[in-house]
Amino acid sequence: MSQQEDLSAMQHRIDELVRRVGQLEQTVDQLRGTGPAATPAPKPPGRPDLVTIPDTPYDNALWTDSDDEGLGARDRHAP
């Protein structure tokens, strides 16, 4: 099996897992007597919200005129 076929098979399995987890969540909501509009469970203390970081490269314009962290400005010397 090629690497592309392996990746496609894994993606198919992940998609199926996500679908089944969604079904399970709906079943649990029905058993609890709540619907999809139910309020989410409170977040445990000390756990930050997850943030998705894209795989795409950052725009180089973000770094224009920035100082090198810990090294100071490019046009000045350290004391």
C-alpha atoms as a PDB file:
ATOM      1  CA  MET A   1       0.000   0.000   0.000  1.00  0.00           C
ATOM      2  CA  SER A   2       1.424   3.414  -0.938  1.00  0.00           C
ATOM      3  CA  GLN A   3       1.862   6.268   1.472  1.00  0.00           C
ATOM      4  CA  GLN A   4      -0.972   8.185  -0.206  1.00  0.00           C
ATOM      5  CA  GLU A   5      -3.304   5.203   0.216  1.00  0.00           C
ATOM      6  CA  ASP A   6      -2.266   4.910   3.869  1.00  0.00           C
ATOM      7  CA  LEU A   7      -3.013   8.596   4.448  1.00  0.00           C
ATOM      8  CA  SER A   8      -6.375   8.295   2.688  1.00  0.00           C
ATOM      9  CA  ALA A   9      -7.288   5.252   4.789  1.00  0.00           C
ATOM     10  CA  MET A  10      -6.300   7.054   8.000  1.00  0.00           C
ATOM     11  CA  GLN A  11      -8.314  10.141   7.008  1.00  0.00           C
ATOM     12  CA  HIS A  12     -11.332   7.923   6.301  1.00  0.00           C
ATOM     13  CA  ARG A  13     -10.987   6.296   9.737  1.00  0.00           C
ATOM     14  CA  ILE A  14     -10.636   9.677  11.442  1.00  0.00           C
ATOM     15  CA  ASP A  15     -13.736  10.973   9.645  1.00  0.00           C
ATOM     16  CA  GLU A  16     -15.650   7.869  10.727  1.00  0.00           C
ATOM     17  CA  LEU A  17     -14.467   8.314  14.321  1.00  0.00           C
ATOM     18  CA  VAL A  18     -15.578  11.964  14.354  1.00  0.00           C
ATOM     19  CA  ARG A  19     -18.981  10.947  12.954  1.00  0.00           C
ATOM     20  CA  ARG A  20     -19.436   8.231  15.584  1.00  0.00           C
ATOM     21  CA  VAL A  21     -18.367  10.512  18.434  1.00  0.00           C
ATOM     22  CA  GLY A  22     -20.974  13.026  17.249  1.00  0.00           C
ATOM     23  CA  GLN A  23     -23.612  10.309  17.284  1.00  0.00           C
ATOM     24  CA  LEU A  24     -22.523   9.249  20.773  1.00  0.00           C
ATOM     25  CA  GLU A  25     -22.763  12.833  22.022  1.00  0.00           C
ATOM     26  CA  GLN A  26     -26.289  13.105  20.618  1.00  0.00           C
ATOM     27  CA  THR A  27     -27.278   9.836  22.307  1.00  0.00           C
ATOM     28  CA  VAL A  28     -25.873  11.007  25.646  1.00  0.00           C
ATOM     29  CA  ASP A  29     -27.746  14.327  25.290  1.00  0.00           C
ATOM     30  CA  GLN A  30     -30.986  12.436  24.614  1.00  0.00           C
ATOM     31  CA  LEU A  31     -30.458  10.158  27.618  1.00  0.00           C
ATOM     32  CA  ARG A  32     -29.827  13.146  29.840  1.00  0.00           C
ATOM     33  CA  GLY A  33     -32.953  14.819  28.514  1.00  0.00           C
ATOM     34  CA  THR A  34     -31.048  17.719  27.046  1.00  0.00           C
ATOM     35  CA  GLY A  35     -30.886  18.805  23.476  1.00  0.00           C
ATOM     36  CA  PRO A  36     -28.163  20.242  21.303  1.00  0.00           C
ATOM     37  CA  ALA A  37     -29.004  23.700  22.657  1.00  0.00           C
ATOM     38  CA  ALA A  38     -27.950  22.669  26.159  1.00  0.00           C
ATOM     39  CA  THR A  39     -25.308  24.784  27.800  1.00  0.00           C
ATOM     40  CA  PRO A  40     -21.824  23.285  27.701  1.00  0.00           C
ATOM     41  CA  ALA A  41     -20.335  21.839  30.847  1.00  0.00           C
ATOM     42  CA  PRO A  42     -18.181  24.289  32.780  1.00  0.00           C
ATOM     43  CA  LYS A  43     -14.504  24.219  31.968  1.00  0.00           C
ATOM     44  CA  PRO A  44     -12.325  22.708  34.707  1.00  0.00           C
ATOM     45  CA  PRO A  45     -10.279  25.373  36.504  1.00  0.00           C
ATOM     46  CA  GLY A  46      -6.750  25.839  35.294  1.00  0.00           C
ATOM     47  CA  ARG A  47      -7.337  24.427  31.806  1.00  0.00           C
ATOM     48  CA  PRO A  48      -6.952  27.006  29.032  1.00  0.00           C
ATOM     49  CA  ASP A  49      -9.107  27.000  25.918  1.00  0.00           C
ATOM     50  CA  LEU A  50      -7.498  25.208  22.993  1.00  0.00           C
ATOM     51  CA  VAL A  51      -6.422  27.369  20.091  1.00  0.00           C
ATOM     52  CA  THR A  52      -5.914  25.920  16.640  1.00  0.00           C
ATOM     53  CA  ILE A  53      -2.670  27.088  15.058  1.00  0.00           C
ATOM     54  CA  PRO A  54      -2.675  26.892  11.259  1.00  0.00           C
ATOM     55  CA  ASP A  55       0.078  25.038   9.406  1.00  0.00           C
ATOM     56  CA  THR A  56       0.416  27.821   6.839  1.00  0.00           C
ATOM     57  CA  PRO A  57       3.525  29.997   7.121  1.00  0.00           C
ATOM     58  CA  TYR A  58       3.221  33.437   8.688  1.00  0.00           C
ATOM     59  CA  ASP A  59       3.280  36.505   6.491  1.00  0.00           C
ATOM     60  CA  ASN A  60       6.836  37.942   6.538  1.00  0.00           C
ATOM     61  CA  ALA A  61       5.349  41.446   6.789  1.00  0.00           C
ATOM     62  CA  LEU A  62       4.513  40.633  10.424  1.00  0.00           C
ATOM     63  CA  TRP A  63       8.217  40.723  11.246  1.00  0.00           C
ATOM     64  CA  THR A  64       9.074  43.981   9.461  1.00  0.00           C
ATOM     65  CA  ASP A  65      10.696  46.496  11.841  1.00  0.00           C
ATOM     66  CA  SER A  66      10.735  43.993  14.696  1.00  0.00           C
ATOM     67  CA  ASP A  67      13.560  43.680  17.159  1.00  0.00           C
ATOM     68  CA  ASP A  68      15.362  40.390  17.616  1.00  0.00           C
ATOM     69  CA  GLU A  69      14.116  39.172  20.960  1.00  0.00           C
ATOM     70  CA  GLY A  70      16.848  39.387  23.534  1.00  0.00           C
ATOM     71  CA  LEU A  71      19.292  41.045  21.116  1.00  0.00           C
ATOM     72  CA  GLY A  72      17.807  44.533  20.938  1.00  0.00           C
ATOM     73  CA  ALA A  73      17.265  46.653  17.866  1.00  0.00           C
ATOM     74  CA  ARG A  74      19.270  45.905  14.716  1.00  0.00           C
ATOM     75  CA  ASP A  75      20.722  49.413  14.404  1.00  0.00           C
ATOM     76  CA  ARG A  76      21.897  49.769  18.023  1.00  0.00           C
ATOM     77  CA  HIS A  77      24.612  48.155  20.102  1.00  0.00           C
ATOM     78  CA  ALA A  78      24.073  46.449  23.428  1.00  0.00           C
ATOM     79  CA  PRO A  79      25.068  48.539  26.474  1.00  0.00           C
END
